[in-house]
Amino acid sequence: MPFMTLGISILYKKPTKAPPSLFQFLAPMSLEVWLALMAAYVFTSLLFFVCGRICPAEWNNPYPCVEEPEVLENQFTLTNSLWFTIGSIMQQGSEIAPIGTSTRVMAGVWWFFCLIMANAYTANLASSLTVENVHRPIKSAEDLANLNGEIKYGAKKDGATYLFFKGSNYSTYAKMYKYMEDNADDVFP
C-alpha cells in the first residue's frame, strides 16, 4: 500500500471574494498619502504660477514679427500651471515647456517626484492585486468548536467520523457532536 490515511481531516470551502470596489484603484496608498499628493499638486501649481510671473524669461512676445511689442504673454497662467502639473502626475506631459532656469529646475524636481510616486503606486498596485490574504479561521478542532456556528460543519450520519464524535468523552469533541446533532438539517439538507 503506497499511502496510509489516519485520523480525521477537515474539508473547508473558502468563502467567495466580494467583487472589487469602484474605488479599488485608490487602495495601494493610504488616505493620508492621497491627501498629501493633492496638497503637493495644488502647492506646486501655485508655485509654478508665481515663479512663472516673477521669472523674466517666461514673458514672451506673442508676435515675433513685432520687435517692440506693447504686451508680453506668459504661458504659466493659473490654469496652465494646473494643467502642467497634472500632466506630469499622469505622465502625459503638456505643450507647456518651462523656459526660465528657475521654472526648469522646479519642473525637473516635480517630474522626479512624479516619477517616484508613479512607480510607488504601480508597485503597490501590482502587489495588492497579486498577493492573496490567507485567512485561516480554523487550525484545529478546538477553533472549529469555539466558533459558535460561524462556520457550519457536520459529519455523515452513522459514518466513522460521526460515530467517533458521538462516542468521544473529550469535551471539545462532545461539544462538536452536540452542534452536529442540533444543526444536522442545516449542514446536510
N, C-alpha and C. Protein backbone atom coordinates (compact mmCIF):
# COMPACT_ATOMS: atom_id res chain seq x y z
N MET A 1 0.86 -1.17 0.00
CA MET A 1 0.00 0.00 0.00
C MET A 1 0.91 1.24 0.00
N PRO A 2 0.79 2.11 -1.02
CA PRO A 2 1.71 3.25 -1.14
C PRO A 2 1.46 4.37 -0.12
N PHE A 3 0.26 4.48 0.42
CA PHE A 3 0.00 5.53 1.41
C PHE A 3 -1.01 5.02 2.41
N MET A 4 -1.07 5.76 3.51
CA MET A 4 -1.99 5.35 4.57
C MET A 4 -2.57 6.61 5.18
N THR A 5 -3.87 6.66 5.36
CA THR A 5 -4.52 7.81 5.94
C THR A 5 -5.06 7.44 7.31
N LEU A 6 -4.68 8.24 8.28
CA LEU A 6 -5.17 8.05 9.64
C LEU A 6 -5.74 9.36 10.15
N GLY A 7 -6.69 9.28 11.03
CA GLY A 7 -7.22 10.48 11.67
C GLY A 7 -8.34 11.12 10.88
N ILE A 8 -8.82 12.20 11.44
CA ILE A 8 -9.94 12.94 10.85
C ILE A 8 -9.39 14.24 10.28
N SER A 9 -9.84 14.58 9.10
CA SER A 9 -9.42 15.82 8.45
C SER A 9 -10.63 16.72 8.28
N ILE A 10 -10.35 18.00 8.11
CA ILE A 10 -11.41 18.99 7.89
C ILE A 10 -11.37 19.41 6.43
N LEU A 11 -12.50 19.33 5.78
CA LEU A 11 -12.65 19.82 4.42
C LEU A 11 -13.36 21.16 4.53
N TYR A 12 -12.70 22.21 4.05
CA TYR A 12 -13.19 23.56 4.26
C TYR A 12 -13.30 24.28 2.92
N LYS A 13 -14.44 24.89 2.66
CA LYS A 13 -14.64 25.67 1.44
C LYS A 13 -14.28 27.12 1.73
N LYS A 14 -13.39 27.66 0.91
CA LYS A 14 -13.01 29.06 1.09
C LYS A 14 -14.21 29.95 0.79
N PRO A 15 -14.40 30.99 1.58
CA PRO A 15 -15.51 31.91 1.27
C PRO A 15 -15.23 32.64 -0.05
N THR A 16 -16.29 32.94 -0.77
CA THR A 16 -16.12 33.64 -2.05
C THR A 16 -15.74 35.09 -1.78
N LYS A 17 -14.91 35.62 -2.66
CA LYS A 17 -14.47 37.00 -2.51
C LYS A 17 -15.56 37.95 -2.98
N ALA A 18 -15.63 39.09 -2.32
CA ALA A 18 -16.56 40.13 -2.75
C ALA A 18 -16.00 40.76 -4.02
N PRO A 19 -16.86 41.23 -4.91
CA PRO A 19 -16.35 41.89 -6.12
C PRO A 19 -15.59 43.16 -5.74
N PRO A 20 -14.61 43.55 -6.54
CA PRO A 20 -13.82 44.73 -6.19
C PRO A 20 -14.66 45.99 -6.17
N SER A 21 -14.27 46.90 -5.32
CA SER A 21 -14.96 48.17 -5.17
C SER A 21 -14.68 49.07 -6.38
N LEU A 22 -15.54 50.05 -6.58
CA LEU A 22 -15.35 51.01 -7.66
C LEU A 22 -14.07 51.81 -7.45
N PHE A 23 -13.71 52.04 -6.19
CA PHE A 23 -12.53 52.83 -5.87
C PHE A 23 -11.35 51.96 -5.46
N GLN A 24 -11.29 50.74 -5.98
CA GLN A 24 -10.21 49.81 -5.65
C GLN A 24 -8.85 50.35 -6.11
N PHE A 25 -8.85 51.20 -7.14
CA PHE A 25 -7.59 51.75 -7.64
C PHE A 25 -6.93 52.68 -6.62
N LEU A 26 -7.69 53.14 -5.62
CA LEU A 26 -7.11 54.00 -4.58
C LEU A 26 -6.48 53.21 -3.45
N ALA A 27 -6.71 51.90 -3.42
CA ALA A 27 -6.25 51.07 -2.30
C ALA A 27 -4.74 50.98 -2.12
N PRO A 28 -3.91 51.06 -3.17
CA PRO A 28 -2.48 50.91 -2.94
C PRO A 28 -1.85 51.96 -2.03
N MET A 29 -2.49 53.10 -1.88
CA MET A 29 -1.94 54.14 -1.00
C MET A 29 -3.00 54.53 0.03
N SER A 30 -2.52 54.97 1.17
CA SER A 30 -3.44 55.36 2.24
C SER A 30 -4.07 56.72 1.94
N LEU A 31 -5.10 57.04 2.69
CA LEU A 31 -5.80 58.32 2.52
C LEU A 31 -4.85 59.48 2.75
N GLU A 32 -3.97 59.35 3.74
CA GLU A 32 -3.02 60.42 4.04
C GLU A 32 -2.09 60.69 2.85
N VAL A 33 -1.66 59.64 2.18
CA VAL A 33 -0.77 59.81 1.02
C VAL A 33 -1.52 60.50 -0.11
N TRP A 34 -2.78 60.12 -0.35
CA TRP A 34 -3.56 60.76 -1.41
C TRP A 34 -3.78 62.24 -1.09
N LEU A 35 -4.07 62.55 0.17
CA LEU A 35 -4.26 63.96 0.55
C LEU A 35 -2.96 64.75 0.42
N ALA A 36 -1.84 64.14 0.80
CA ALA A 36 -0.55 64.81 0.66
C ALA A 36 -0.22 65.03 -0.82
N LEU A 37 -0.56 64.08 -1.67
CA LEU A 37 -0.33 64.22 -3.11
C LEU A 37 -1.18 65.36 -3.68
N MET A 38 -2.42 65.46 -3.23
CA MET A 38 -3.29 66.56 -3.69
C MET A 38 -2.74 67.91 -3.22
N ALA A 39 -2.28 67.96 -1.97
CA ALA A 39 -1.71 69.21 -1.45
C ALA A 39 -0.44 69.58 -2.22
N ALA A 40 0.40 68.60 -2.53
CA ALA A 40 1.61 68.86 -3.31
C ALA A 40 1.25 69.35 -4.71
N TYR A 41 0.21 68.78 -5.29
CA TYR A 41 -0.25 69.20 -6.62
C TYR A 41 -0.68 70.66 -6.61
N VAL A 42 -1.52 71.04 -5.65
CA VAL A 42 -2.02 72.42 -5.58
C VAL A 42 -0.87 73.38 -5.28
N PHE A 43 -0.03 73.03 -4.31
CA PHE A 43 1.10 73.90 -3.93
C PHE A 43 2.06 74.09 -5.10
N THR A 44 2.40 73.03 -5.80
CA THR A 44 3.33 73.12 -6.92
C THR A 44 2.72 73.93 -8.07
N SER A 45 1.44 73.75 -8.31
CA SER A 45 0.78 74.53 -9.36
C SER A 45 0.83 76.02 -9.05
N LEU A 46 0.54 76.36 -7.80
CA LEU A 46 0.60 77.77 -7.40
C LEU A 46 2.04 78.30 -7.47
N LEU A 47 3.00 77.46 -7.11
CA LEU A 47 4.40 77.86 -7.18
C LEU A 47 4.83 78.08 -8.63
N PHE A 48 4.38 77.24 -9.54
CA PHE A 48 4.67 77.45 -10.97
C PHE A 48 4.05 78.76 -11.45
N PHE A 49 2.85 79.04 -11.01
CA PHE A 49 2.17 80.28 -11.40
C PHE A 49 2.96 81.49 -10.92
N VAL A 50 3.37 81.48 -9.65
CA VAL A 50 4.10 82.62 -9.08
C VAL A 50 5.48 82.75 -9.72
N CYS A 51 6.22 81.65 -9.80
CA CYS A 51 7.56 81.70 -10.41
C CYS A 51 7.50 82.09 -11.88
N GLY A 52 6.47 81.62 -12.57
CA GLY A 52 6.31 81.99 -13.97
C GLY A 52 6.07 83.48 -14.14
N ARG A 53 5.41 84.10 -13.17
CA ARG A 53 5.16 85.55 -13.22
C ARG A 53 6.42 86.34 -12.86
N ILE A 54 7.22 85.80 -11.96
CA ILE A 54 8.41 86.52 -11.50
C ILE A 54 9.57 86.38 -12.49
N CYS A 55 9.72 85.22 -13.09
CA CYS A 55 10.85 84.94 -13.99
C CYS A 55 10.69 85.72 -15.30
N PRO A 56 11.66 86.60 -15.63
CA PRO A 56 11.53 87.40 -16.86
C PRO A 56 11.59 86.55 -18.14
N ALA A 57 12.26 85.41 -18.10
CA ALA A 57 12.38 84.58 -19.31
C ALA A 57 11.05 83.96 -19.72
N GLU A 58 10.11 83.89 -18.80
CA GLU A 58 8.80 83.29 -19.11
C GLU A 58 7.87 84.25 -19.85
N TRP A 59 8.21 85.53 -19.89
CA TRP A 59 7.38 86.50 -20.61
C TRP A 59 7.83 86.54 -22.07
N ASN A 60 6.93 86.19 -22.96
CA ASN A 60 7.27 86.06 -24.39
C ASN A 60 6.51 87.07 -25.23
N ASN A 61 7.10 87.35 -26.38
CA ASN A 61 6.47 88.20 -27.38
C ASN A 61 5.49 87.34 -28.18
N PRO A 62 4.19 87.63 -28.12
CA PRO A 62 3.22 86.81 -28.85
C PRO A 62 3.32 86.99 -30.37
N TYR A 63 3.91 88.10 -30.81
CA TYR A 63 4.04 88.37 -32.25
C TYR A 63 5.52 88.59 -32.57
N PRO A 64 6.22 87.53 -32.97
CA PRO A 64 7.66 87.65 -33.20
C PRO A 64 8.05 88.67 -34.28
N CYS A 65 7.14 88.99 -35.17
CA CYS A 65 7.44 89.97 -36.23
C CYS A 65 7.57 91.38 -35.67
N VAL A 66 6.92 91.66 -34.56
CA VAL A 66 6.98 92.98 -33.94
C VAL A 66 8.14 92.97 -32.95
N GLU A 67 9.13 93.87 -33.19
CA GLU A 67 10.31 93.86 -32.34
C GLU A 67 10.04 94.42 -30.96
N GLU A 68 9.26 95.44 -30.84
CA GLU A 68 8.94 96.06 -29.55
C GLU A 68 7.44 95.94 -29.29
N PRO A 69 6.99 94.77 -28.78
CA PRO A 69 5.54 94.61 -28.56
C PRO A 69 5.08 95.41 -27.34
N GLU A 70 3.83 95.81 -27.40
CA GLU A 70 3.25 96.53 -26.26
C GLU A 70 2.89 95.58 -25.12
N VAL A 71 2.56 94.34 -25.47
CA VAL A 71 2.11 93.37 -24.47
C VAL A 71 2.94 92.10 -24.60
N LEU A 72 3.38 91.56 -23.46
CA LEU A 72 4.06 90.27 -23.42
C LEU A 72 3.12 89.24 -22.81
N GLU A 73 3.25 88.00 -23.25
CA GLU A 73 2.40 86.93 -22.72
C GLU A 73 3.23 85.97 -21.88
N ASN A 74 2.56 85.42 -20.88
CA ASN A 74 3.20 84.42 -20.02
C ASN A 74 2.40 83.13 -20.14
N GLN A 75 3.09 82.03 -20.44
CA GLN A 75 2.38 80.76 -20.62
C GLN A 75 1.94 80.13 -19.30
N PHE A 76 2.52 80.56 -18.19
CA PHE A 76 2.16 79.97 -16.89
C PHE A 76 1.01 80.74 -16.24
N THR A 77 -0.16 80.66 -16.88
CA THR A 77 -1.37 81.17 -16.23
C THR A 77 -1.75 80.16 -15.15
N LEU A 78 -2.73 80.49 -14.34
CA LEU A 78 -3.13 79.57 -13.27
C LEU A 78 -3.64 78.25 -13.85
N THR A 79 -4.47 78.33 -14.88
CA THR A 79 -5.00 77.09 -15.47
C THR A 79 -3.90 76.28 -16.16
N ASN A 80 -2.98 76.97 -16.85
CA ASN A 80 -1.87 76.26 -17.48
C ASN A 80 -0.94 75.62 -16.44
N SER A 81 -0.75 76.28 -15.32
CA SER A 81 0.08 75.72 -14.25
C SER A 81 -0.56 74.46 -13.69
N LEU A 82 -1.87 74.51 -13.47
CA LEU A 82 -2.59 73.32 -13.00
C LEU A 82 -2.51 72.20 -14.04
N TRP A 83 -2.64 72.55 -15.31
CA TRP A 83 -2.59 71.55 -16.37
C TRP A 83 -1.20 70.94 -16.50
N PHE A 84 -0.17 71.77 -16.37
CA PHE A 84 1.21 71.28 -16.47
C PHE A 84 1.52 70.28 -15.35
N THR A 85 1.11 70.59 -14.13
CA THR A 85 1.42 69.69 -13.01
C THR A 85 0.59 68.41 -13.07
N ILE A 86 -0.67 68.49 -13.47
CA ILE A 86 -1.48 67.26 -13.55
C ILE A 86 -1.01 66.40 -14.73
N GLY A 87 -0.56 67.03 -15.80
CA GLY A 87 0.01 66.26 -16.91
C GLY A 87 1.27 65.51 -16.50
N SER A 88 2.03 66.10 -15.60
CA SER A 88 3.23 65.43 -15.10
C SER A 88 2.87 64.26 -14.20
N ILE A 89 1.87 64.44 -13.35
CA ILE A 89 1.45 63.35 -12.46
C ILE A 89 0.95 62.17 -13.28
N MET A 90 0.17 62.45 -14.32
CA MET A 90 -0.38 61.39 -15.16
C MET A 90 0.63 60.87 -16.17
N GLN A 91 1.82 61.44 -16.17
CA GLN A 91 2.91 61.08 -17.07
C GLN A 91 2.50 61.23 -18.54
N GLN A 92 1.77 62.30 -18.81
CA GLN A 92 1.33 62.59 -20.17
C GLN A 92 2.00 63.83 -20.74
N GLY A 93 2.48 64.71 -19.87
CA GLY A 93 3.10 65.94 -20.34
C GLY A 93 2.08 66.92 -20.87
N SER A 94 2.57 68.03 -21.40
CA SER A 94 1.70 69.04 -22.00
C SER A 94 2.53 69.86 -22.98
N GLU A 95 1.88 70.78 -23.68
CA GLU A 95 2.59 71.62 -24.63
C GLU A 95 3.38 72.71 -23.93
N ILE A 96 3.12 72.92 -22.67
CA ILE A 96 3.78 73.99 -21.92
C ILE A 96 5.19 73.53 -21.57
N ALA A 97 6.17 74.32 -21.96
CA ALA A 97 7.56 73.99 -21.66
C ALA A 97 8.19 75.16 -20.91
N PRO A 98 8.73 74.91 -19.73
CA PRO A 98 9.38 76.00 -18.98
C PRO A 98 10.59 76.54 -19.75
N ILE A 99 10.75 77.85 -19.73
CA ILE A 99 11.84 78.50 -20.45
C ILE A 99 12.92 78.97 -19.48
N GLY A 100 12.51 79.60 -18.40
CA GLY A 100 13.46 80.13 -17.42
C GLY A 100 14.13 79.04 -16.61
N THR A 101 15.31 79.37 -16.09
CA THR A 101 16.07 78.40 -15.29
C THR A 101 15.32 78.00 -14.04
N SER A 102 14.72 78.95 -13.36
CA SER A 102 14.01 78.63 -12.11
C SER A 102 12.82 77.70 -12.36
N THR A 103 12.07 77.97 -13.42
CA THR A 103 10.92 77.10 -13.71
C THR A 103 11.36 75.74 -14.25
N ARG A 104 12.50 75.70 -14.94
CA ARG A 104 13.02 74.41 -15.40
C ARG A 104 13.49 73.55 -14.23
N VAL A 105 14.15 74.16 -13.28
CA VAL A 105 14.59 73.41 -12.09
C VAL A 105 13.38 72.90 -11.32
N MET A 106 12.38 73.77 -11.16
CA MET A 106 11.15 73.34 -10.49
C MET A 106 10.48 72.20 -11.24
N ALA A 107 10.44 72.30 -12.54
CA ALA A 107 9.82 71.24 -13.35
C ALA A 107 10.60 69.93 -13.20
N GLY A 108 11.91 70.00 -13.18
CA GLY A 108 12.72 68.79 -13.01
C GLY A 108 12.48 68.12 -11.67
N VAL A 109 12.41 68.92 -10.61
CA VAL A 109 12.14 68.37 -9.28
C VAL A 109 10.73 67.77 -9.24
N TRP A 110 9.77 68.46 -9.82
CA TRP A 110 8.39 67.95 -9.84
C TRP A 110 8.29 66.66 -10.65
N TRP A 111 8.98 66.60 -11.78
CA TRP A 111 8.96 65.39 -12.61
C TRP A 111 9.58 64.21 -11.86
N PHE A 112 10.66 64.47 -11.13
CA PHE A 112 11.29 63.40 -10.35
C PHE A 112 10.34 62.91 -9.26
N PHE A 113 9.67 63.85 -8.60
CA PHE A 113 8.68 63.48 -7.58
C PHE A 113 7.57 62.65 -8.20
N CYS A 114 7.08 63.05 -9.36
CA CYS A 114 6.01 62.31 -10.04
C CYS A 114 6.48 60.92 -10.45
N LEU A 115 7.73 60.81 -10.88
CA LEU A 115 8.29 59.51 -11.26
C LEU A 115 8.31 58.57 -10.06
N ILE A 116 8.77 59.07 -8.92
CA ILE A 116 8.82 58.25 -7.70
C ILE A 116 7.41 57.84 -7.27
N MET A 117 6.47 58.78 -7.28
CA MET A 117 5.10 58.48 -6.86
C MET A 117 4.43 57.49 -7.82
N ALA A 118 4.62 57.66 -9.11
CA ALA A 118 4.01 56.75 -10.08
C ALA A 118 4.57 55.34 -9.94
N ASN A 119 5.87 55.23 -9.72
CA ASN A 119 6.46 53.90 -9.54
C ASN A 119 6.03 53.26 -8.23
N ALA A 120 5.93 54.06 -7.17
CA ALA A 120 5.46 53.51 -5.88
C ALA A 120 4.02 53.04 -6.01
N TYR A 121 3.18 53.82 -6.69
CA TYR A 121 1.79 53.43 -6.90
C TYR A 121 1.70 52.14 -7.71
N THR A 122 2.48 52.07 -8.80
CA THR A 122 2.45 50.88 -9.66
C THR A 122 2.90 49.64 -8.90
N ALA A 123 3.96 49.77 -8.11
CA ALA A 123 4.46 48.62 -7.34
C ALA A 123 3.44 48.18 -6.30
N ASN A 124 2.84 49.13 -5.59
CA ASN A 124 1.83 48.78 -4.58
C ASN A 124 0.58 48.19 -5.21
N LEU A 125 0.18 48.71 -6.37
CA LEU A 125 -0.99 48.17 -7.05
C LEU A 125 -0.74 46.74 -7.51
N ALA A 126 0.43 46.50 -8.07
CA ALA A 126 0.76 45.14 -8.52
C ALA A 126 0.80 44.17 -7.35
N SER A 127 1.37 44.60 -6.24
CA SER A 127 1.44 43.68 -5.10
C SER A 127 0.07 43.47 -4.47
N SER A 128 -0.77 44.49 -4.45
CA SER A 128 -2.09 44.31 -3.85
C SER A 128 -3.00 43.44 -4.73
N LEU A 129 -2.76 43.43 -6.03
CA LEU A 129 -3.57 42.60 -6.92
C LEU A 129 -3.09 41.15 -6.98
N THR A 130 -1.82 40.92 -6.70
CA THR A 130 -1.30 39.56 -6.80
C THR A 130 -1.21 38.83 -5.48
N VAL A 131 -1.03 39.54 -4.39
CA VAL A 131 -0.90 38.89 -3.09
C VAL A 131 -2.29 38.58 -2.55
N GLU A 132 -2.46 37.35 -2.13
CA GLU A 132 -3.74 36.92 -1.59
C GLU A 132 -3.64 36.83 -0.08
N ASN A 133 -4.55 37.46 0.61
CA ASN A 133 -4.56 37.38 2.07
C ASN A 133 -5.03 36.00 2.48
N VAL A 134 -4.18 35.31 3.21
CA VAL A 134 -4.52 33.97 3.68
C VAL A 134 -5.11 34.12 5.07
N HIS A 135 -6.39 33.85 5.16
CA HIS A 135 -7.08 33.93 6.44
C HIS A 135 -7.60 32.54 6.77
N ARG A 136 -7.05 31.98 7.80
CA ARG A 136 -7.48 30.64 8.21
C ARG A 136 -8.15 30.76 9.57
N PRO A 137 -9.46 30.74 9.60
CA PRO A 137 -10.16 30.89 10.89
C PRO A 137 -10.05 29.64 11.76
N ILE A 138 -9.76 28.50 11.16
CA ILE A 138 -9.67 27.27 11.95
C ILE A 138 -8.34 26.58 11.68
N LYS A 139 -7.68 26.23 12.76
CA LYS A 139 -6.42 25.49 12.66
C LYS A 139 -6.51 24.17 13.41
N SER A 140 -7.54 24.04 14.21
CA SER A 140 -7.70 22.81 15.00
C SER A 140 -9.18 22.59 15.28
N ALA A 141 -9.48 21.44 15.86
CA ALA A 141 -10.87 21.14 16.23
C ALA A 141 -11.37 22.10 17.30
N GLU A 142 -10.48 22.54 18.19
CA GLU A 142 -10.87 23.49 19.23
C GLU A 142 -11.33 24.81 18.61
N ASP A 143 -10.61 25.27 17.59
CA ASP A 143 -11.01 26.51 16.91
C ASP A 143 -12.39 26.37 16.28
N LEU A 144 -12.63 25.23 15.64
CA LEU A 144 -13.92 25.00 15.00
C LEU A 144 -15.05 24.92 16.02
N ALA A 145 -14.80 24.28 17.14
CA ALA A 145 -15.83 24.14 18.18
C ALA A 145 -16.14 25.48 18.83
N ASN A 146 -15.16 26.37 18.91
CA ASN A 146 -15.35 27.65 19.60
C ASN A 146 -15.87 28.76 18.70
N LEU A 147 -16.12 28.47 17.44
CA LEU A 147 -16.65 29.50 16.53
C LEU A 147 -18.13 29.75 16.73
N ASN A 148 -18.80 28.93 17.51
CA ASN A 148 -20.22 29.11 17.84
C ASN A 148 -21.10 29.25 16.60
N GLY A 149 -20.90 28.40 15.63
CA GLY A 149 -21.78 28.37 14.47
C GLY A 149 -21.45 29.33 13.36
N GLU A 150 -20.34 30.05 13.44
CA GLU A 150 -19.97 30.94 12.34
C GLU A 150 -19.69 30.13 11.07
N ILE A 151 -19.09 28.97 11.25
CA ILE A 151 -18.86 28.04 10.15
C ILE A 151 -19.67 26.79 10.44
N LYS A 152 -20.52 26.43 9.49
CA LYS A 152 -21.34 25.23 9.68
C LYS A 152 -20.51 24.00 9.38
N TYR A 153 -20.68 22.96 10.17
CA TYR A 153 -19.94 21.73 9.95
C TYR A 153 -20.78 20.55 10.37
N GLY A 154 -20.37 19.38 9.92
CA GLY A 154 -21.09 18.16 10.25
C GLY A 154 -20.35 16.95 9.75
N ALA A 155 -20.93 15.79 9.99
CA ALA A 155 -20.37 14.52 9.53
C ALA A 155 -21.53 13.65 9.05
N LYS A 156 -21.21 12.73 8.16
CA LYS A 156 -22.24 11.85 7.61
C LYS A 156 -22.83 10.99 8.72
N LYS A 157 -24.14 11.00 8.79
CA LYS A 157 -24.86 10.25 9.84
C LYS A 157 -24.45 8.78 9.80
N ASP A 158 -24.08 8.27 10.96
CA ASP A 158 -23.67 6.88 11.17
C ASP A 158 -22.38 6.51 10.43
N GLY A 159 -21.64 7.51 9.98
CA GLY A 159 -20.32 7.25 9.39
C GLY A 159 -19.28 7.12 10.50
N ALA A 160 -18.06 6.76 10.14
CA ALA A 160 -17.00 6.56 11.13
C ALA A 160 -16.69 7.85 11.87
N THR A 161 -16.67 8.97 11.18
CA THR A 161 -16.38 10.25 11.83
C THR A 161 -17.51 10.62 12.79
N TYR A 162 -18.73 10.45 12.35
CA TYR A 162 -19.89 10.75 13.18
C TYR A 162 -19.87 9.90 14.46
N LEU A 163 -19.61 8.62 14.31
CA LEU A 163 -19.57 7.73 15.47
C LEU A 163 -18.40 8.06 16.39
N PHE A 164 -17.31 8.56 15.81
CA PHE A 164 -16.18 8.99 16.64
C PHE A 164 -16.60 10.13 17.55
N PHE A 165 -17.25 11.15 16.98
CA PHE A 165 -17.68 12.29 17.80
C PHE A 165 -18.76 11.87 18.79
N LYS A 166 -19.63 10.98 18.39
CA LYS A 166 -20.72 10.52 19.25
C LYS A 166 -20.18 9.78 20.47
N GLY A 167 -19.17 8.97 20.29
CA GLY A 167 -18.65 8.16 21.39
C GLY A 167 -17.51 8.81 22.16
N SER A 168 -17.13 10.04 21.82
CA SER A 168 -15.98 10.67 22.46
C SER A 168 -16.33 11.23 23.83
N ASN A 169 -15.39 11.12 24.77
CA ASN A 169 -15.54 11.71 26.10
C ASN A 169 -14.80 13.04 26.21
N TYR A 170 -14.04 13.38 25.21
CA TYR A 170 -13.29 14.63 25.22
C TYR A 170 -14.28 15.78 25.04
N SER A 171 -14.17 16.82 25.87
CA SER A 171 -15.19 17.89 25.92
C SER A 171 -15.34 18.62 24.58
N THR A 172 -14.24 18.88 23.88
CA THR A 172 -14.33 19.59 22.60
C THR A 172 -15.10 18.77 21.58
N TYR A 173 -14.79 17.47 21.50
CA TYR A 173 -15.47 16.60 20.54
C TYR A 173 -16.94 16.41 20.92
N ALA A 174 -17.22 16.35 22.22
CA ALA A 174 -18.62 16.23 22.67
C ALA A 174 -19.40 17.49 22.30
N LYS A 175 -18.75 18.65 22.43
CA LYS A 175 -19.38 19.92 22.06
C LYS A 175 -19.65 19.94 20.54
N MET A 176 -18.70 19.44 19.77
CA MET A 176 -18.88 19.39 18.32
C MET A 176 -20.00 18.42 17.93
N TYR A 177 -20.09 17.29 18.64
CA TYR A 177 -21.16 16.32 18.36
C TYR A 177 -22.52 16.95 18.65
N LYS A 178 -22.60 17.69 19.76
CA LYS A 178 -23.87 18.34 20.11
C LYS A 178 -24.26 19.35 19.03
N TYR A 179 -23.28 20.11 18.52
CA TYR A 179 -23.55 21.06 17.45
C TYR A 179 -24.05 20.34 16.20
N MET A 180 -23.40 19.21 15.87
CA MET A 180 -23.80 18.45 14.67
C MET A 180 -25.21 17.91 14.81
N GLU A 181 -25.58 17.48 16.00
CA GLU A 181 -26.93 16.97 16.24
C GLU A 181 -27.95 18.09 16.11
N ASP A 182 -27.65 19.24 16.70
CA ASP A 182 -28.59 20.37 16.70
C ASP A 182 -28.76 20.99 15.31
N ASN A 183 -27.73 20.91 14.48
CA ASN A 183 -27.76 21.58 13.18
C ASN A 183 -27.66 20.61 12.01
N ALA A 184 -28.11 19.40 12.19
CA ALA A 184 -28.00 18.39 11.13
C ALA A 184 -28.73 18.81 9.86
N ASP A 185 -29.87 19.47 9.99
CA ASP A 185 -30.64 19.87 8.81
C ASP A 185 -29.97 21.01 8.05
N ASP A 186 -29.22 21.87 8.76
CA ASP A 186 -28.55 23.00 8.10
C ASP A 186 -27.35 22.55 7.28
N VAL A 187 -26.66 21.52 7.78
CA VAL A 187 -25.43 21.08 7.12
C VAL A 187 -25.72 20.09 6.00
N PHE A 188 -26.58 19.11 6.28
CA PHE A 188 -26.94 18.10 5.28
C PHE A 188 -28.44 18.13 5.04
N PRO A 189 -28.92 19.01 4.18
CA PRO A 189 -30.37 19.09 3.94
C PRO A 189 -30.91 17.88 3.20
